[in-house]
Amino acid sequence: MTSSGKPRVVVLGGGSSGEHFVGALRRLDPEAEITLVERRLVGGECSYWACIPTKTMLRATELVAEAGRSSGAVTGATLDPQRVFAWRDQVAERNDASQVEWLQSKNTKLIRGDAIAVEPGVLSVDDEALQYDRLVIATGSSPAIPPIEGIESVDYWTNHEATETLEVPPRLVVLGGGPVGCELSQFFQRIGSRVTLVEGGERLLARVDADAATLVEDALREDGVDVRLNARAERVTGDSLFLEDGTELPFDRLLVATGRTANVDALDALELTISKRGIEVDERLRAAPDVWAIGDVTGIAQFTHVGKYQGRVAAYDIAGRNARADYRAIPATIFTDPQVATVGNTEGGLSSTWDIQSVSRLSTYERPKRQGFIKVVADPERRVIKGAVAVGPESGEWLQQLTLAIRAETPIEVLLDVIPPYPTFSEGVFWALRELNLDL
């Protein structure tokens, strides 16, 4: 404890989750002694090598694609790869001076270095002892590299290299058909690479609604991506990926996008339960006595916004407030073109789907019309929505109304009595809800 009796709070990891925790705790407790330990840049993966740079890259190629769907009203739109990369680097910066200044404004000490847990209550940061009364682990995750023969000898890319590159590879093989693989496949294909996307499963986006995944697959193929499903990688050489069926896929670059693994190294001395997905926590984000874990390292839902939410819950708990994490309405967006947004649980229940081509806004937005839909899933007994998925322009923005509806358990009767603005895509939510036909 400090001389004032305040606990010493150490945050291990300065990514989005750790930063958000600092801001949340400081609002609750102006006097707490907070120290943040970060080995790289304050701001973390999302700011410099994931969400922010990739969405900037994708926005550039999407603008040109939208021009092509304007019935000739917009002409002459072209892509300049180096200007796209310059825009990305301007947004992502990879300079954390402003973040360091923000920490200072929150009266938070920053220590740069690698931390190792020595024993409960003590960390070693580059051989210097750091004591704590409360520890918040926000160490994030790293790209998971599959055990493919020969891969260790290849200078492959992960999202880090793909979001720092100034190169447009003539031939790019992308290994993994999840959100990262799909997004980066579309970007590099549109900017000039010949992309082959290799997915070992039966379809892309295995954790997303199957109908939505099919539309993304169709869009990628339309862009020219060579999508290989049920394709299992067997070995890799310096310039080729070989599949189990003997197919050789030559490449100039190999991009590995096969998921992520929680960063739990150097924590063995703590009394943690670590499963395959990450550090196990309770509903208050407690991982052990006086230890909390937040963000990707928990493996609960590896999204920046979930990590921030967990940071708020942990801050409330440390400050003595009553807070528990509720994951019933986790929103997620895949920023392909078309965009895919999901929220809640879409398994079981009563569902209805509305074709986005029947929403007036699409006529004003693009020609020819892109395929898409809004699907809502209801609990007919409780007469509330429990899940939803949408495929269409900016669906991650306008589906958010259902995030609130699911979390607040808003009766469907009330949702149908809400006035949607016209013409907007959100009007399609009303039509999908009406199609549930719950005798309302």
Protein backbone atom coordinates (compact mmCIF):
# COMPACT_ATOMS: atom_id res chain seq x y z
CA MET A 1 0.00 0.00 0.00
CA THR A 2 1.05 3.62 -0.53
CA SER A 3 1.61 5.93 2.42
CA SER A 4 -1.94 7.21 1.94
CA GLY A 5 -3.31 3.68 2.21
CA LYS A 6 -4.16 3.46 -1.48
CA PRO A 7 -3.37 0.15 -3.24
CA ARG A 8 -0.60 0.03 -5.81
CA VAL A 9 -2.26 -0.99 -9.07
CA VAL A 10 -0.05 -2.36 -11.83
CA VAL A 11 -1.41 -2.86 -15.34
CA LEU A 12 0.56 -5.39 -17.36
CA GLY A 13 0.05 -4.41 -21.00
CA GLY A 14 -0.66 -1.01 -22.56
CA GLY A 15 -2.93 -1.97 -25.42
CA SER A 16 -6.53 -0.84 -25.80
CA SER A 17 -7.73 -2.93 -22.85
CA GLY A 18 -5.02 -1.76 -20.47
CA GLU A 19 -5.40 1.87 -21.48
CA HIS A 20 -9.16 1.75 -21.10
CA PHE A 21 -8.81 0.22 -17.64
CA VAL A 22 -6.52 3.07 -16.61
CA GLY A 23 -9.03 5.67 -17.78
CA ALA A 24 -11.91 3.88 -16.07
CA LEU A 25 -10.13 3.43 -12.73
CA ARG A 26 -8.87 6.99 -12.72
CA ARG A 27 -12.41 8.29 -13.13
CA LEU A 28 -13.48 6.18 -10.16
CA ASP A 29 -10.44 6.79 -7.99
CA PRO A 30 -8.47 10.06 -8.46
CA GLU A 31 -5.86 9.01 -5.87
CA ALA A 32 -4.95 5.43 -6.85
CA GLU A 33 -1.29 4.77 -7.62
CA ILE A 34 -1.31 3.30 -11.13
CA THR A 35 1.68 1.94 -13.03
CA LEU A 36 1.44 0.59 -16.57
CA VAL A 37 4.06 -1.76 -18.00
CA GLU A 38 4.38 -2.03 -21.79
CA ARG A 39 7.17 -3.61 -23.81
CA ARG A 40 6.26 -2.05 -27.17
CA LEU A 41 4.01 0.88 -28.08
CA VAL A 42 1.29 2.18 -25.79
CA GLY A 43 -1.92 1.70 -27.74
CA GLY A 44 -1.14 -1.89 -28.66
CA GLU A 45 -2.07 -4.21 -31.48
CA CYS A 46 -5.35 -2.58 -32.47
CA SER A 47 -3.90 0.89 -32.91
CA TYR A 48 -0.82 -0.01 -34.93
CA TRP A 49 -1.14 -3.47 -36.54
CA ALA A 50 -4.81 -4.48 -36.61
CA CYS A 51 -8.10 -2.57 -36.43
CA ILE A 52 -6.97 0.93 -37.34
CA PRO A 53 -4.48 0.26 -40.17
CA THR A 54 -6.52 -2.53 -41.79
CA LYS A 55 -9.74 -0.55 -41.81
CA THR A 56 -7.93 2.41 -43.35
CA MET A 57 -6.50 0.15 -46.05
CA LEU A 58 -9.90 -1.41 -46.72
CA ARG A 59 -11.64 1.95 -46.89
CA ALA A 60 -9.43 3.06 -49.79
CA THR A 61 -10.25 0.02 -51.91
CA GLU A 62 -13.92 0.19 -50.94
CA LEU A 63 -14.18 3.78 -52.21
CA VAL A 64 -13.04 2.69 -55.66
CA ALA A 65 -15.40 -0.29 -55.63
CA GLU A 66 -18.31 1.99 -54.67
CA ALA A 67 -17.47 4.29 -57.56
CA GLY A 68 -17.74 1.30 -59.86
CA ARG A 69 -21.25 0.66 -58.54
CA SER A 70 -22.46 4.19 -59.25
CA SER A 71 -23.87 3.49 -62.74
CA GLY A 72 -21.14 5.65 -64.23
CA ALA A 73 -22.01 8.68 -62.10
CA VAL A 74 -18.51 8.56 -60.58
CA THR A 75 -15.67 7.90 -63.02
CA GLY A 76 -11.90 7.88 -62.99
CA ALA A 77 -11.45 6.43 -59.49
CA THR A 78 -8.11 4.61 -59.26
CA LEU A 79 -5.88 3.22 -56.54
CA ASP A 80 -2.35 4.42 -55.86
CA PRO A 81 -0.85 1.75 -53.57
CA GLN A 82 1.83 3.97 -52.10
CA ARG A 83 -0.68 6.71 -51.31
CA VAL A 84 -2.93 4.10 -49.70
CA PHE A 85 -0.04 2.91 -47.55
CA ALA A 86 0.85 6.53 -46.71
CA TRP A 87 -2.75 7.15 -45.59
CA ARG A 88 -2.58 4.00 -43.46
CA ASP A 89 0.68 5.07 -41.83
CA GLN A 90 -0.61 8.57 -41.21
CA VAL A 91 -3.58 7.13 -39.32
CA ALA A 92 -1.73 4.33 -37.51
CA GLU A 93 1.35 6.49 -36.83
CA ARG A 94 3.29 3.80 -34.90
CA ASN A 95 4.41 6.59 -32.61
CA ASP A 96 2.89 6.48 -29.14
CA ALA A 97 3.90 9.96 -27.95
CA SER A 98 0.28 11.08 -27.70
CA GLN A 99 -0.63 7.94 -25.75
CA VAL A 100 2.24 8.47 -23.34
CA GLU A 101 1.07 12.05 -22.84
CA TRP A 102 -2.44 10.74 -22.15
CA LEU A 103 -1.10 8.38 -19.46
CA GLN A 104 0.68 11.30 -17.86
CA SER A 105 -2.58 13.26 -17.84
CA LYS A 106 -4.10 10.34 -15.90
CA ASN A 107 -1.27 10.45 -13.35
CA THR A 108 -0.13 7.01 -14.44
CA LYS A 109 3.49 5.94 -14.43
CA LEU A 110 4.75 4.18 -17.57
CA ILE A 111 7.49 1.55 -17.37
CA ARG A 112 8.76 0.16 -20.66
CA GLY A 113 10.11 -3.36 -20.59
CA ASP A 114 9.42 -7.08 -20.38
CA ALA A 115 7.73 -8.20 -17.18
CA ILE A 116 8.01 -11.58 -15.46
CA ALA A 117 5.93 -12.64 -12.47
CA VAL A 118 8.34 -13.51 -9.64
CA GLU A 119 5.75 -14.31 -6.99
CA PRO A 120 2.30 -13.02 -6.03
CA GLY A 121 2.77 -9.30 -5.38
CA VAL A 122 6.06 -8.94 -7.26
CA LEU A 123 6.97 -8.52 -10.92
CA SER A 124 10.41 -8.22 -12.42
CA VAL A 125 10.67 -5.73 -15.27
CA ASP A 126 14.01 -6.10 -17.01
CA ASP A 127 15.48 -7.33 -13.71
CA GLU A 128 14.01 -4.47 -11.66
CA ALA A 129 11.50 -5.44 -8.95
CA LEU A 130 8.03 -3.93 -9.17
CA GLN A 131 5.63 -4.56 -6.30
CA TYR A 132 1.87 -4.39 -6.55
CA ASP A 133 -1.23 -4.78 -4.42
CA ARG A 134 -3.56 -5.22 -7.40
CA LEU A 135 -2.47 -6.62 -10.77
CA VAL A 136 -4.42 -6.28 -14.02
CA ILE A 137 -3.16 -8.55 -16.81
CA ALA A 138 -3.85 -7.11 -20.25
CA THR A 139 -1.12 -8.79 -22.26
CA GLY A 140 -3.28 -9.45 -25.33
CA SER A 141 -2.68 -12.11 -27.96
CA SER A 142 -0.32 -12.98 -30.80
CA PRO A 143 -0.80 -14.60 -34.21
CA ALA A 144 -1.13 -18.39 -33.97
CA ILE A 145 1.24 -20.11 -36.37
CA PRO A 146 0.07 -23.58 -37.53
CA PRO A 147 2.48 -26.53 -37.31
CA ILE A 148 3.05 -26.86 -41.05
CA GLU A 149 6.23 -28.54 -42.21
CA GLY A 150 8.79 -25.98 -43.34
CA ILE A 151 6.96 -22.86 -42.18
CA GLU A 152 9.68 -21.89 -39.73
CA SER A 153 12.07 -21.45 -42.67
CA VAL A 154 9.77 -19.08 -44.58
CA ASP A 155 9.73 -15.32 -44.21
CA TYR A 156 5.94 -15.31 -43.86
CA TRP A 157 3.69 -12.39 -43.04
CA THR A 158 1.22 -12.05 -40.19
CA ASN A 159 -1.08 -9.07 -39.71
CA HIS A 160 1.99 -7.14 -38.48
CA GLU A 161 3.90 -7.35 -41.73
CA ALA A 162 0.74 -6.98 -43.83
CA THR A 163 -0.11 -3.69 -42.12
CA GLU A 164 3.42 -2.30 -42.36
CA THR A 165 4.32 -3.31 -45.89
CA LEU A 166 4.89 -0.94 -48.79
CA GLU A 167 4.87 -3.94 -51.14
CA VAL A 168 2.07 -5.30 -53.32
CA PRO A 169 3.10 -8.94 -53.83
CA PRO A 170 2.40 -10.21 -57.36
CA ARG A 171 1.25 -13.55 -55.90
CA LEU A 172 -0.07 -13.69 -52.36
CA VAL A 173 -1.25 -16.87 -50.65
CA VAL A 174 -3.38 -16.24 -47.57
CA LEU A 175 -3.64 -19.10 -45.10
CA GLY A 176 -6.88 -18.89 -43.10
CA GLY A 177 -10.43 -17.88 -44.03
CA GLY A 178 -11.43 -16.06 -40.86
CA PRO A 179 -12.09 -12.30 -40.62
CA VAL A 180 -8.43 -11.29 -40.94
CA GLY A 181 -7.82 -13.62 -43.87
CA CYS A 182 -10.93 -12.45 -45.72
CA GLU A 183 -10.30 -8.75 -45.13
CA LEU A 184 -6.66 -8.83 -46.20
CA SER A 185 -7.39 -11.10 -49.17
CA GLN A 186 -9.88 -8.58 -50.50
CA PHE A 187 -7.57 -5.65 -49.90
CA PHE A 188 -4.53 -7.11 -51.63
CA GLN A 189 -6.57 -8.48 -54.53
CA ARG A 190 -8.14 -5.08 -55.12
CA ILE A 191 -4.84 -3.25 -54.89
CA GLY A 192 -3.11 -5.45 -57.43
CA SER A 193 -2.03 -8.83 -56.04
CA ARG A 194 -3.22 -12.20 -57.36
CA VAL A 195 -4.55 -13.70 -54.15
CA THR A 196 -5.22 -17.33 -53.31
CA LEU A 197 -7.15 -17.82 -50.07
CA VAL A 198 -6.68 -21.25 -48.47
CA GLU A 199 -9.20 -22.44 -45.88
CA GLY A 200 -9.17 -25.93 -44.39
CA GLY A 201 -12.85 -25.91 -43.50
CA GLU A 202 -15.94 -26.28 -45.62
CA ARG A 203 -16.59 -22.54 -45.74
CA LEU A 204 -15.16 -19.16 -44.90
CA LEU A 205 -15.90 -17.39 -41.62
CA ALA A 206 -16.74 -20.54 -39.67
CA ARG A 207 -18.04 -18.62 -36.64
CA VAL A 208 -20.39 -16.42 -38.65
CA ASP A 209 -23.86 -17.10 -40.04
CA ALA A 210 -23.47 -19.44 -43.05
CA ASP A 211 -25.60 -17.27 -45.37
CA ALA A 212 -23.47 -14.25 -44.53
CA ALA A 213 -20.27 -16.21 -45.14
CA THR A 214 -21.55 -17.29 -48.56
CA LEU A 215 -22.08 -13.67 -49.61
CA VAL A 216 -18.55 -12.79 -48.53
CA GLU A 217 -17.19 -15.75 -50.49
CA ASP A 218 -19.15 -14.65 -53.55
CA ALA A 219 -17.79 -11.12 -53.23
CA LEU A 220 -14.20 -12.33 -52.93
CA ARG A 221 -14.56 -14.55 -55.98
CA GLU A 222 -16.13 -11.66 -57.89
CA ASP A 223 -13.08 -9.56 -57.05
CA GLY A 224 -10.87 -12.32 -58.46
CA VAL A 225 -9.67 -14.04 -55.28
CA ASP A 226 -8.99 -17.74 -55.84
CA VAL A 227 -10.85 -19.23 -52.85
CA ARG A 228 -9.81 -22.78 -51.95
CA LEU A 229 -12.09 -24.51 -49.42
CA ASN A 230 -11.47 -27.90 -47.78
CA ALA A 231 -7.84 -27.21 -48.62
CA ARG A 232 -5.42 -28.38 -45.96
CA ALA A 233 -1.85 -27.15 -46.01
CA GLU A 234 0.72 -29.92 -45.73
CA ARG A 235 4.09 -28.20 -46.15
CA VAL A 236 5.68 -25.01 -47.34
CA THR A 237 8.93 -24.21 -49.12
CA GLY A 238 10.53 -20.87 -49.80
CA ASP A 239 8.07 -19.98 -52.53
CA SER A 240 5.24 -22.54 -52.58
CA LEU A 241 2.52 -23.91 -50.34
CA PHE A 242 1.66 -27.57 -50.90
CA LEU A 243 -1.79 -28.91 -50.05
CA GLU A 244 -2.58 -32.42 -48.85
CA ASP A 245 -4.02 -33.30 -52.27
CA GLY A 246 -0.67 -32.48 -53.90
CA THR A 247 -1.66 -29.07 -55.26
CA GLU A 248 1.21 -26.58 -55.38
CA LEU A 249 0.40 -22.91 -54.80
CA PRO A 250 3.38 -20.70 -55.73
CA PHE A 251 3.66 -17.37 -53.92
CA ASP A 252 5.79 -14.29 -53.61
CA ARG A 253 4.45 -13.79 -50.09
CA LEU A 254 2.66 -16.08 -47.65
CA LEU A 255 0.26 -14.45 -45.19
CA VAL A 256 -0.64 -16.52 -42.12
CA ALA A 257 -4.06 -15.61 -40.68
CA THR A 258 -5.01 -18.73 -38.73
CA GLY A 259 -6.17 -17.18 -35.48
CA ARG A 260 -4.54 -15.85 -32.34
CA THR A 261 -3.22 -17.23 -29.07
CA ALA A 262 -3.29 -15.58 -25.66
CA ASN A 263 -0.02 -14.11 -24.36
CA VAL A 264 0.40 -15.95 -21.06
CA ASP A 265 4.17 -16.43 -20.97
CA ALA A 266 6.07 -15.27 -17.88
CA LEU A 267 3.02 -15.64 -15.60
CA ASP A 268 3.78 -19.10 -14.16
CA ALA A 269 4.48 -17.78 -10.67
CA LEU A 270 0.90 -16.54 -10.27
CA GLU A 271 -2.01 -18.67 -9.10
CA LEU A 272 -3.81 -18.57 -12.43
CA THR A 273 -5.98 -21.10 -14.22
CA ILE A 274 -4.86 -21.05 -17.84
CA SER A 275 -6.88 -23.02 -20.37
CA LYS A 276 -6.39 -23.47 -24.09
CA ARG A 277 -8.20 -20.20 -24.78
CA GLY A 278 -6.38 -18.10 -22.15
CA ILE A 279 -6.60 -16.98 -18.53
CA GLU A 280 -9.83 -18.09 -16.89
CA VAL A 281 -11.70 -15.32 -15.09
CA ASP A 282 -14.97 -14.95 -13.21
CA GLU A 283 -17.75 -12.50 -14.04
CA ARG A 284 -15.83 -9.72 -12.28
CA LEU A 285 -12.71 -10.50 -14.36
CA ARG A 286 -10.93 -11.88 -11.30
CA ALA A 287 -8.25 -14.43 -12.19
CA ALA A 288 -6.67 -15.01 -8.76
CA PRO A 289 -6.48 -13.22 -5.41
CA ASP A 290 -5.73 -9.54 -6.22
CA VAL A 291 -5.30 -10.38 -9.92
CA TRP A 292 -7.64 -9.48 -12.78
CA ALA A 293 -7.32 -10.32 -16.49
CA ILE A 294 -8.93 -8.41 -19.35
CA GLY A 295 -8.95 -8.42 -23.14
CA ASP A 296 -7.60 -10.99 -25.57
CA VAL A 297 -5.60 -12.77 -22.87
CA THR A 298 -8.87 -14.14 -21.46
CA GLY A 299 -9.85 -15.63 -24.82
CA ILE A 300 -13.52 -14.91 -24.13
CA ALA A 301 -14.04 -12.78 -27.23
CA GLN A 302 -10.94 -11.34 -28.87
CA PHE A 303 -12.35 -7.97 -29.87
CA THR A 304 -11.01 -4.58 -28.86
CA HIS A 305 -14.43 -3.43 -27.71
CA VAL A 306 -14.83 -6.49 -25.45
CA GLY A 307 -11.43 -5.82 -23.90
CA LYS A 308 -12.45 -2.23 -23.19
CA TYR A 309 -15.70 -3.42 -21.66
CA GLN A 310 -13.82 -5.87 -19.46
CA GLY A 311 -11.49 -3.05 -18.45
CA ARG A 312 -14.45 -1.05 -17.19
CA VAL A 313 -15.84 -4.03 -15.25
CA ALA A 314 -12.44 -4.73 -13.63
CA ALA A 315 -12.03 -1.06 -12.73
CA TYR A 316 -15.43 -1.00 -11.06
CA ASP A 317 -14.61 -4.16 -9.12
CA ILE A 318 -11.24 -2.84 -7.92
CA ALA A 319 -12.91 0.41 -6.89
CA GLY A 320 -15.42 -1.52 -4.79
CA ARG A 321 -18.37 -1.03 -7.11
CA ASN A 322 -20.85 -3.74 -8.08
CA ALA A 323 -20.20 -4.83 -11.67
CA ARG A 324 -20.33 -8.11 -13.54
CA ALA A 325 -19.56 -8.84 -17.17
CA ASP A 326 -22.53 -9.72 -19.39
CA TYR A 327 -21.68 -11.18 -22.80
CA ARG A 328 -25.19 -11.74 -24.16
CA ALA A 329 -24.91 -8.96 -26.72
CA ILE A 330 -21.37 -8.90 -28.10
CA PRO A 331 -21.32 -7.06 -31.44
CA ALA A 332 -18.73 -7.86 -34.11
CA THR A 333 -18.06 -6.52 -37.57
CA ILE A 334 -16.11 -8.00 -40.47
CA PHE A 335 -15.02 -5.13 -42.70
CA THR A 336 -15.12 -6.88 -46.02
CA ASP A 337 -17.20 -5.46 -48.87
CA PRO A 338 -20.00 -6.29 -48.20
CA GLN A 339 -19.66 -5.70 -44.49
CA VAL A 340 -20.90 -8.34 -42.04
CA ALA A 341 -22.23 -7.42 -38.60
CA THR A 342 -23.33 -9.86 -35.92
CA VAL A 343 -24.57 -9.58 -32.37
CA GLY A 344 -25.77 -12.03 -29.74
CA ASN A 345 -26.69 -15.68 -30.26
CA THR A 346 -28.13 -16.60 -33.65
CA GLU A 347 -28.48 -20.32 -32.92
CA GLY A 348 -31.97 -21.75 -32.38
CA GLY A 349 -35.01 -19.61 -31.70
CA LEU A 350 -37.37 -18.15 -34.28
CA SER A 351 -35.72 -16.26 -37.14
CA SER A 352 -36.74 -14.06 -40.04
CA THR A 353 -34.75 -12.52 -42.86
CA TRP A 354 -35.27 -9.39 -44.91
CA ASP A 355 -33.50 -8.90 -48.25
CA ILE A 356 -31.52 -5.66 -48.24
CA GLN A 357 -32.47 -5.13 -51.88
CA SER A 358 -35.96 -4.37 -50.58
CA VAL A 359 -34.64 -1.51 -48.43
CA SER A 360 -35.03 1.83 -50.21
CA ARG A 361 -31.65 3.15 -49.05
CA LEU A 362 -29.79 0.63 -51.21
CA SER A 363 -31.22 2.16 -54.39
CA THR A 364 -29.70 5.51 -53.45
CA TYR A 365 -26.43 3.96 -52.33
CA GLU A 366 -25.20 1.79 -55.18
CA ARG A 367 -26.06 0.39 -58.58
CA PRO A 368 -26.08 -2.47 -59.36
CA LYS A 369 -27.38 -3.50 -55.99
CA ARG A 370 -25.13 -5.71 -53.89
CA GLN A 371 -26.66 -8.78 -52.26
CA GLY A 372 -27.31 -8.56 -48.52
CA PHE A 373 -29.83 -9.19 -45.77
CA ILE A 374 -30.89 -8.56 -42.19
CA LYS A 375 -31.64 -11.61 -40.07
CA VAL A 376 -33.11 -11.41 -36.57
CA VAL A 377 -33.44 -14.31 -34.14
CA ALA A 378 -36.04 -14.16 -31.39
CA ASP A 379 -36.88 -16.02 -28.23
CA PRO A 380 -40.62 -16.51 -28.90
CA GLU A 381 -41.38 -17.42 -25.30
CA ARG A 382 -39.88 -14.25 -23.85
CA ARG A 383 -40.73 -12.21 -26.97
CA VAL A 384 -37.30 -10.58 -27.17
CA ILE A 385 -34.47 -10.61 -29.70
CA LYS A 386 -31.48 -12.77 -28.82
CA GLY A 387 -29.32 -12.44 -31.93
CA ALA A 388 -28.97 -10.78 -35.31
CA VAL A 389 -26.76 -10.68 -38.39
CA ALA A 390 -26.65 -8.21 -41.24
CA VAL A 391 -24.77 -8.10 -44.52
CA GLY A 392 -24.67 -4.76 -46.29
CA PRO A 393 -23.07 -1.31 -46.47
CA GLU A 394 -21.91 -0.08 -43.05
CA SER A 395 -23.97 -2.80 -41.33
CA GLY A 396 -21.71 -2.56 -38.29
CA GLU A 397 -23.09 0.93 -37.69
CA TRP A 398 -26.83 0.41 -38.09
CA LEU A 399 -27.13 -3.03 -36.50
CA GLN A 400 -25.96 -1.56 -33.20
CA GLN A 401 -29.55 -0.70 -32.32
CA LEU A 402 -30.12 -4.43 -31.84
CA THR A 403 -27.12 -4.67 -29.51
CA LEU A 404 -28.98 -2.40 -27.13
CA ALA A 405 -32.27 -4.24 -27.72
CA ILE A 406 -30.69 -7.61 -26.84
CA ARG A 407 -28.83 -6.30 -23.81
CA ALA A 408 -31.85 -4.41 -22.47
CA GLU A 409 -34.24 -7.27 -23.35
CA THR A 410 -36.49 -4.80 -25.11
CA PRO A 411 -39.85 -6.40 -25.98
CA ILE A 412 -40.37 -6.93 -29.69
CA GLU A 413 -43.62 -4.96 -29.36
CA VAL A 414 -41.56 -1.93 -28.39
CA LEU A 415 -39.03 -2.46 -31.20
CA LEU A 416 -41.88 -2.52 -33.72
CA ASP A 417 -43.19 0.73 -32.28
CA VAL A 418 -39.87 2.54 -32.82
CA ILE A 419 -39.85 4.99 -35.76
CA PRO A 420 -36.90 4.21 -38.08
CA PRO A 421 -35.48 7.11 -40.12
CA TYR A 422 -36.09 7.03 -43.88
CA PRO A 423 -34.25 6.31 -46.07
CA THR A 424 -31.68 4.41 -44.01
CA PHE A 425 -30.52 0.82 -43.85
CA SER A 426 -31.79 0.64 -40.29
CA GLU A 427 -35.32 0.61 -41.72
CA GLY A 428 -34.58 -2.95 -42.78
CA VAL A 429 -34.38 -3.94 -39.11
CA PHE A 430 -38.04 -3.02 -38.74
CA TRP A 431 -39.05 -5.12 -41.75
CA ALA A 432 -37.09 -8.12 -40.47
CA LEU A 433 -38.70 -7.81 -37.03
CA ARG A 434 -42.15 -7.58 -38.58
CA GLU A 435 -41.52 -10.79 -40.52
CA LEU A 436 -41.19 -12.73 -37.28
CA ASN A 437 -45.02 -12.87 -37.28
CA LEU A 438 -45.40 -13.22 -33.52
CA ASP A 439 -49.07 -12.22 -33.73
CA LEU A 440 -48.22 -8.65 -32.76
